[in-house]
Amino acid sequence: MADQLWTGGLDLDLDYMFPTKPEDPEMRESASIWLFEENGKFALPRLGIEAQGVVWDNHRFDANVAFADGRVLRESVRAPTLSPIGPDGKASVLGAGGLKFRCLEPFRKWAVSYDGEAYDGTVQEQIRSEFAVYADGDRNKGLEGRRRAQVSFDVELTMVTPAWIQDYRTEKLAEMSEQERIDAGLMGYGYRIEHLFRGEGVLTVDGQEQGFKAQGSRIHRQSVRPMGAFRGHCWQSAVFPDGRAFGYIAYPPRPDGSTYNEGYVYQNGKMHPARATRIPFLRNITPQGDDVSLELESELGVVRIEGATTLATFHIGNPGVASMNNQQSGVRYTWDGMTTYGMIERSSPAELTKIIL
């Protein structure tokens, strides 16, 4: 029973990787982390691999490293796929090039490492569309002659909340309405696992090494994800020093008010399903300090959490999210006087956003 509660009802084996190329060319496997140094010195506001059946020999990986002074290191490439079989003989590895995710104990411990390079820039350059790095397509900007930083990273993650699950496998879809199935598809037809973690590791940039302690979110999914109906989103999560935590994902409401809006509040060792009642959709494109406070309603009542952006990265006209403006960022959250660093990802059509530098 304890495992069932911790895994959100999924079998333990589902936190391992595909051992071979999936038959469906549209099937994806994705692993990513959002990591925040405990004192806000730096963040990895999304480091991840997207593996898709149609290009299985060359997984795409994306790396963002953001610093408190606005410096951003960014890499996005396709690289040769690493074998999924780990030292344990199981499909415990998802890797490409110098980036590797390892499942050490399903739903409990993972490790992530990277050894390579990244383009060196600033969040201000990203906002001005002077620094854009994408693995696919022709939207790269400002890269000719740009400095490349040497980056390595190694961290072990220990999950500190039960898994928050989106389970949209075939047998779960039959009872959904057409609109519910569309929103499920934007999340992915398959399953998605999200945990909050604490971690300890080492980051080295241009030969300067620093050990760190951190917290953040890790995601693992296996799904087919049709994005044609994508209309934007807001996603936030964090874990606090006393163990309380929250997370939610919401899409902008349709004209009739219907939408996807699901989340949780974790308190006293229990997950409480929640719905966001105050949602900071992306409206301001600004390097830091945007108000992203939120409210979540659950059986506990209404939880109010204050937040201000920091350690931000932006992708203006991101081809991966229907060419919308996209923010992947850290947030300094405050809940009942406690503070922590956590994540926000949000996207909106360009006409709904304004640049504030």
Protein backbone atom coordinates (compact mmCIF):
# COMPACT_ATOMS: atom_id res chain seq x y z
CA MET A 1 0.00 0.00 0.00
CA ALA A 2 2.84 2.41 0.83
CA ASP A 3 4.32 1.98 -2.65
CA GLN A 4 0.91 2.49 -4.27
CA LEU A 5 0.45 5.78 -2.44
CA TRP A 6 3.98 6.94 -3.26
CA THR A 7 3.72 6.02 -6.96
CA GLY A 8 0.26 7.49 -7.45
CA GLY A 9 -1.03 4.01 -8.26
CA LEU A 10 1.43 3.32 -11.09
CA ASP A 11 3.54 0.17 -11.19
CA LEU A 12 7.16 0.65 -10.12
CA ASP A 13 8.42 -0.55 -13.52
CA LEU A 14 6.85 2.46 -15.23
CA ASP A 15 9.62 4.69 -13.87
CA TYR A 16 12.15 2.81 -16.00
CA MET A 17 12.81 3.68 -19.67
CA PHE A 18 11.83 2.11 -22.95
CA PRO A 19 14.33 -0.73 -23.48
CA THR A 20 14.03 -0.42 -27.27
CA LYS A 21 12.65 1.96 -29.86
CA PRO A 22 8.83 2.23 -29.50
CA GLU A 23 6.74 0.96 -32.40
CA ASP A 24 4.70 4.17 -32.64
CA PRO A 25 6.87 6.83 -34.35
CA GLU A 26 4.99 9.54 -32.43
CA MET A 27 5.61 7.99 -29.02
CA ARG A 28 7.85 10.10 -26.80
CA GLU A 29 9.85 9.45 -23.71
CA SER A 30 10.88 12.52 -21.76
CA ALA A 31 12.84 13.10 -18.57
CA SER A 32 13.56 16.55 -17.15
CA ILE A 33 14.45 18.35 -13.97
CA TRP A 34 13.99 21.87 -12.64
CA LEU A 35 16.69 22.40 -10.03
CA PHE A 36 17.25 25.38 -7.72
CA GLU A 37 20.31 25.92 -5.54
CA GLU A 38 18.95 26.32 -2.03
CA ASN A 39 20.11 29.95 -1.65
CA GLY A 40 19.10 31.10 -5.12
CA LYS A 41 22.64 31.36 -6.57
CA PHE A 42 21.78 29.45 -9.73
CA ALA A 43 19.14 27.23 -11.26
CA LEU A 44 18.58 24.70 -13.98
CA PRO A 45 15.13 25.87 -15.10
CA ARG A 46 14.65 22.80 -17.24
CA LEU A 47 17.33 20.32 -18.18
CA GLY A 48 15.76 17.54 -20.22
CA ILE A 49 15.71 14.94 -22.97
CA GLU A 50 12.92 14.46 -25.50
CA ALA A 51 13.13 11.08 -27.22
CA GLN A 52 10.72 10.39 -30.08
CA GLY A 53 10.26 7.19 -32.04
CA VAL A 54 10.67 8.78 -35.46
CA VAL A 55 14.20 10.04 -34.58
CA TRP A 56 15.13 7.48 -31.95
CA ASP A 57 18.84 7.36 -32.80
CA ASN A 58 19.28 11.07 -32.03
CA HIS A 59 17.47 12.29 -28.92
CA ARG A 60 16.99 16.01 -28.43
CA PHE A 61 18.26 17.54 -25.24
CA ASP A 62 17.85 21.02 -23.80
CA ALA A 63 19.87 22.61 -21.03
CA ASN A 64 19.25 25.94 -19.29
CA VAL A 65 21.54 27.24 -16.54
CA ALA A 66 20.50 30.59 -15.03
CA PHE A 67 22.44 32.71 -12.55
CA ALA A 68 21.26 35.41 -10.15
CA ASP A 69 23.02 38.16 -12.17
CA GLY A 70 21.05 37.34 -15.35
CA ARG A 71 23.66 35.17 -17.04
CA VAL A 72 22.16 32.26 -18.98
CA LEU A 73 23.88 29.21 -20.45
CA ARG A 74 21.81 27.45 -23.10
CA GLU A 75 22.24 24.32 -25.21
CA SER A 76 19.68 22.59 -27.43
CA VAL A 77 20.88 19.89 -29.84
CA ARG A 78 20.24 16.41 -31.14
CA ALA A 79 22.91 13.95 -30.09
CA PRO A 80 23.55 10.21 -30.46
CA THR A 81 21.32 8.15 -28.20
CA LEU A 82 22.95 6.28 -25.31
CA SER A 83 22.04 2.68 -24.48
CA PRO A 84 19.10 2.52 -22.05
CA ILE A 85 20.57 -0.49 -20.24
CA GLY A 86 22.31 0.49 -17.03
CA PRO A 87 24.74 -1.35 -14.73
CA ASP A 88 21.75 -3.02 -13.07
CA GLY A 89 20.81 -4.70 -16.37
CA LYS A 90 17.54 -2.76 -16.47
CA ALA A 91 16.39 0.01 -18.81
CA SER A 92 17.40 2.60 -16.23
CA VAL A 93 19.12 5.16 -18.50
CA LEU A 94 17.82 7.89 -20.78
CA GLY A 95 20.77 9.66 -22.35
CA ALA A 96 22.04 11.56 -25.37
CA GLY A 97 25.49 12.98 -25.95
CA GLY A 98 26.83 14.25 -22.63
CA LEU A 99 23.49 14.24 -20.79
CA LYS A 100 22.32 11.21 -18.83
CA PHE A 101 19.34 10.50 -16.58
CA ARG A 102 19.55 7.36 -14.41
CA CYS A 103 16.78 5.72 -12.41
CA LEU A 104 18.57 4.43 -9.31
CA GLU A 105 15.40 3.37 -7.50
CA PRO A 106 12.05 3.88 -9.23
CA PHE A 107 9.95 6.69 -7.75
CA ARG A 108 12.62 7.22 -5.04
CA LYS A 109 16.09 8.13 -6.36
CA TRP A 110 17.40 9.38 -9.70
CA ALA A 111 20.75 10.81 -10.79
CA VAL A 112 21.45 13.32 -13.56
CA SER A 113 24.79 14.24 -15.13
CA TYR A 114 26.00 16.44 -17.98
CA ASP A 115 29.42 17.06 -19.48
CA GLY A 116 29.64 19.37 -22.47
CA GLU A 117 29.28 22.95 -23.64
CA ALA A 118 26.62 25.65 -23.76
CA TYR A 119 26.20 29.03 -25.42
CA ASP A 120 26.88 31.93 -23.04
CA GLY A 121 24.42 34.82 -22.92
CA THR A 122 21.93 36.74 -20.80
CA VAL A 123 18.22 36.70 -20.13
CA GLN A 124 18.02 40.26 -21.46
CA GLU A 125 19.42 39.07 -24.79
CA GLN A 126 16.79 36.32 -24.86
CA ILE A 127 14.01 38.84 -24.28
CA ARG A 128 15.34 41.06 -27.09
CA SER A 129 15.39 38.01 -29.43
CA GLU A 130 19.18 38.29 -29.72
CA PHE A 131 19.94 34.89 -28.18
CA ALA A 132 17.83 31.90 -29.25
CA VAL A 133 19.02 28.27 -29.32
CA TYR A 134 16.86 25.46 -30.72
CA ALA A 135 17.86 21.98 -31.79
CA ASP A 136 15.49 21.92 -34.76
CA GLY A 137 14.34 24.59 -37.19
CA ASP A 138 15.71 27.92 -38.32
CA ARG A 139 14.99 30.15 -35.32
CA ASN A 140 18.46 30.21 -33.81
CA LYS A 141 19.68 33.78 -33.36
CA GLY A 142 22.84 35.49 -32.22
CA LEU A 143 25.00 32.37 -32.12
CA GLU A 144 27.69 33.16 -34.70
CA GLY A 145 30.88 33.95 -32.82
CA ARG A 146 29.18 33.60 -29.45
CA ARG A 147 31.27 32.20 -26.62
CA ARG A 148 30.85 28.56 -25.62
CA ALA A 149 31.15 27.76 -21.91
CA GLN A 150 32.40 24.44 -20.58
CA VAL A 151 29.73 22.96 -18.30
CA SER A 152 29.54 19.80 -16.21
CA PHE A 153 26.96 18.79 -13.70
CA ASP A 154 26.30 15.79 -11.47
CA VAL A 155 23.51 15.46 -8.91
CA GLU A 156 21.64 12.74 -7.05
CA LEU A 157 17.94 13.36 -6.40
CA THR A 158 15.85 12.00 -3.52
CA MET A 159 12.09 12.34 -3.98
CA VAL A 160 10.39 14.05 -1.02
CA THR A 161 6.73 14.01 -2.12
CA PRO A 162 4.56 11.23 -3.54
CA ALA A 163 4.26 11.19 -7.32
CA TRP A 164 1.69 13.49 -8.89
CA ILE A 165 0.37 11.48 -11.82
CA GLN A 166 -1.43 12.22 -15.08
CA ASP A 167 -2.55 8.79 -16.30
CA TYR A 168 -4.10 9.09 -19.76
CA ARG A 169 -3.42 5.65 -21.12
CA THR A 170 -5.97 4.21 -23.56
CA GLU A 171 -8.18 2.63 -20.93
CA LYS A 172 -8.55 5.97 -19.13
CA LEU A 173 -9.76 7.93 -22.15
CA ALA A 174 -13.04 6.14 -22.90
CA GLU A 175 -15.00 7.99 -20.22
CA MET A 176 -13.76 11.48 -21.19
CA SER A 177 -15.59 14.11 -23.20
CA GLU A 178 -14.06 15.34 -26.47
CA GLN A 179 -12.73 18.50 -24.80
CA GLU A 180 -11.28 16.49 -21.92
CA ARG A 181 -9.52 14.20 -24.39
CA ILE A 182 -8.03 17.23 -26.21
CA ASP A 183 -6.63 18.57 -22.96
CA ALA A 184 -5.39 15.11 -22.01
CA GLY A 185 -3.57 14.98 -25.33
CA LEU A 186 -1.80 18.26 -24.59
CA MET A 187 -0.52 16.59 -21.42
CA GLY A 188 0.14 13.39 -23.39
CA TYR A 189 -1.76 10.21 -24.23
CA GLY A 190 0.12 7.90 -21.93
CA TYR A 191 1.37 8.71 -18.46
CA ARG A 192 3.34 11.45 -16.74
CA ILE A 193 5.12 11.32 -13.37
CA GLU A 194 6.07 14.45 -11.40
CA HIS A 195 7.93 14.46 -8.09
CA LEU A 196 9.48 17.15 -5.92
CA PHE A 197 13.00 16.33 -4.75
CA ARG A 198 15.95 17.42 -2.70
CA GLY A 199 19.40 16.91 -4.16
CA GLU A 200 23.11 17.35 -3.66
CA GLY A 201 25.75 17.65 -6.34
CA VAL A 202 28.48 19.58 -8.12
CA LEU A 203 28.31 22.20 -10.88
CA THR A 204 31.44 23.18 -12.83
CA VAL A 205 31.47 26.11 -15.28
CA ASP A 206 34.70 27.01 -17.10
CA GLY A 207 36.72 25.09 -14.52
CA GLN A 208 35.09 26.77 -11.51
CA GLU A 209 33.59 24.01 -9.36
CA GLN A 210 30.96 24.45 -6.67
CA GLY A 211 29.17 21.90 -4.57
CA PHE A 212 25.54 22.59 -3.82
CA LYS A 213 22.35 21.50 -2.15
CA ALA A 214 19.12 22.06 -4.00
CA GLN A 215 15.45 21.28 -4.40
CA GLY A 216 13.19 21.09 -7.42
CA SER A 217 10.94 19.03 -9.66
CA ARG A 218 11.62 16.00 -11.82
CA ILE A 219 9.33 14.71 -14.58
CA HIS A 220 9.26 11.42 -16.48
CA ARG A 221 6.70 10.69 -19.17
CA GLN A 222 5.94 8.16 -21.89
CA SER A 223 3.20 9.45 -24.17
CA VAL A 224 2.03 10.61 -27.57
CA ARG A 225 1.52 14.36 -27.43
CA PRO A 226 -0.50 16.13 -30.18
CA MET A 227 0.13 19.86 -29.67
CA GLY A 228 -2.03 21.32 -32.45
CA ALA A 229 -4.69 22.57 -30.00
CA PHE A 230 -2.19 24.06 -27.53
CA ARG A 231 -3.43 27.43 -26.26
CA GLY A 232 -0.91 28.26 -23.53
CA HIS A 233 -0.36 27.14 -19.95
CA CYS A 234 0.87 27.96 -16.47
CA TRP A 235 2.70 25.40 -14.32
CA GLN A 236 4.13 26.03 -10.85
CA SER A 237 5.55 23.87 -8.06
CA ALA A 238 7.83 24.04 -5.02
CA VAL A 239 8.74 22.28 -1.78
CA PHE A 240 9.30 24.30 1.42
CA PRO A 241 11.74 23.77 4.32
CA ASP A 242 9.09 22.13 6.55
CA GLY A 243 8.13 19.63 3.81
CA ARG A 244 4.96 21.31 2.64
CA ALA A 245 4.67 21.46 -1.12
CA PHE A 246 2.35 22.31 -3.99
CA GLY A 247 2.01 21.92 -7.71
CA TYR A 248 -0.53 22.57 -10.45
CA ILE A 249 -0.92 22.93 -14.20
CA ALA A 250 -3.66 25.02 -15.83
CA TYR A 251 -4.55 25.93 -19.41
CA PRO A 252 -6.37 29.17 -20.31
CA PRO A 253 -10.14 28.71 -20.17
CA ARG A 254 -12.09 28.25 -23.39
CA PRO A 255 -14.93 30.70 -24.20
CA ASP A 256 -17.35 28.43 -22.30
CA GLY A 257 -15.07 28.46 -19.25
CA SER A 258 -13.99 24.82 -19.50
CA THR A 259 -10.30 23.99 -19.13
CA TYR A 260 -7.67 21.73 -17.61
CA ASN A 261 -6.84 22.90 -14.08
CA GLU A 262 -5.44 20.30 -11.67
CA GLY A 263 -2.97 20.35 -8.82
CA TYR A 264 -2.27 19.38 -5.24
CA VAL A 265 -1.26 20.65 -1.84
CA TYR A 266 1.05 18.33 0.13
CA GLN A 267 0.86 18.77 3.89
CA ASN A 268 1.44 16.52 6.90
CA GLY A 269 2.33 13.62 4.65
CA LYS A 270 -0.87 13.73 2.59
CA MET A 271 -1.63 14.78 -0.99
CA HIS A 272 -4.73 16.95 -1.23
CA PRO A 273 -6.15 17.38 -4.76
CA ALA A 274 -6.45 21.09 -5.54
CA ARG A 275 -7.56 23.57 -8.18
CA ALA A 276 -5.87 26.90 -8.90
CA THR A 277 -8.12 29.91 -8.29
CA ARG A 278 -5.46 32.57 -8.94
CA ILE A 279 -3.25 31.81 -11.94
CA PRO A 280 -0.42 34.10 -13.14
CA PHE A 281 -0.56 33.43 -16.88
CA LEU A 282 2.34 34.96 -18.81
CA ARG A 283 1.70 38.64 -19.54
CA ASN A 284 5.00 40.36 -18.70
CA ILE A 285 8.29 39.42 -20.36
CA THR A 286 10.73 40.75 -17.77
CA PRO A 287 14.05 39.46 -16.37
CA GLN A 288 12.97 39.24 -12.74
CA GLY A 289 10.49 40.38 -10.13
CA ASP A 290 7.23 39.59 -11.92
CA ASP A 291 4.43 38.83 -9.44
CA VAL A 292 3.48 35.17 -9.87
CA SER A 293 1.55 34.71 -6.62
CA LEU A 294 -1.08 31.98 -6.71
CA GLU A 295 -4.00 30.48 -4.83
CA LEU A 296 -4.97 26.82 -4.58
CA GLU A 297 -8.30 25.56 -3.29
CA SER A 298 -8.57 22.10 -1.72
CA GLU A 299 -10.24 20.40 1.22
CA LEU A 300 -7.82 22.39 3.36
CA GLY A 301 -9.42 25.63 2.17
CA VAL A 302 -7.63 28.28 0.10
CA VAL A 303 -3.84 28.31 0.26
CA ARG A 304 -2.20 31.60 -0.75
CA ILE A 305 1.43 31.54 -1.85
CA GLU A 306 3.36 34.65 -2.85
CA GLY A 307 5.93 34.49 -5.62
CA ALA A 308 8.32 36.67 -7.61
CA THR A 309 10.33 35.49 -10.61
CA THR A 310 14.10 35.12 -10.58
CA LEU A 311 16.71 32.99 -12.36
CA ALA A 312 14.66 33.29 -15.54
CA THR A 313 15.05 32.12 -19.12
CA PHE A 314 12.78 33.02 -22.05
CA HIS A 315 12.14 31.56 -25.48
CA ILE A 316 10.44 34.18 -27.65
CA GLY A 317 8.31 32.54 -30.34
CA ASN A 318 9.19 29.05 -29.12
CA PRO A 319 8.50 26.55 -31.93
CA GLY A 320 7.98 23.81 -29.33
CA VAL A 321 4.89 25.52 -27.91
CA ALA A 322 3.04 26.69 -31.04
CA SER A 323 5.43 29.65 -31.52
CA MET A 324 4.20 31.27 -28.31
CA ASN A 325 6.35 33.24 -25.92
CA ASN A 326 7.59 30.84 -23.26
CA GLN A 327 9.18 31.36 -19.84
CA GLN A 328 11.14 28.71 -17.92
CA SER A 329 12.12 30.27 -14.65
CA GLY A 330 12.79 30.16 -10.96
CA VAL A 331 10.51 31.76 -8.40
CA ARG A 332 11.15 32.85 -4.82
CA TYR A 333 8.01 31.61 -3.10
CA THR A 334 6.70 32.60 0.35
CA TRP A 335 4.08 30.58 2.27
CA ASP A 336 3.17 31.53 5.84
CA GLY A 337 6.50 33.34 6.21
CA MET A 338 8.61 30.45 4.88
CA THR A 339 10.58 30.97 1.68
CA THR A 340 11.94 28.61 -0.93
CA TYR A 341 12.94 28.53 -4.60
CA GLY A 342 10.76 26.63 -7.05
CA MET A 343 9.69 26.61 -10.67
CA ILE A 344 7.34 28.22 -13.11
CA GLU A 345 6.81 27.46 -16.79
CA ARG A 346 4.23 29.43 -18.73
CA SER A 347 3.43 30.29 -22.31
CA SER A 348 1.09 32.72 -24.02
CA PRO A 349 0.49 34.09 -27.53
CA ALA A 350 2.75 37.06 -28.28
CA GLU A 351 -0.19 39.46 -28.54
CA LEU A 352 -1.03 38.84 -24.87
CA THR A 353 2.47 39.65 -23.60
CA LYS A 354 4.50 42.84 -23.26
CA ILE A 355 8.24 43.29 -22.86
CA ILE A 356 9.48 45.12 -19.77
CA LEU A 357 13.25 45.53 -19.63
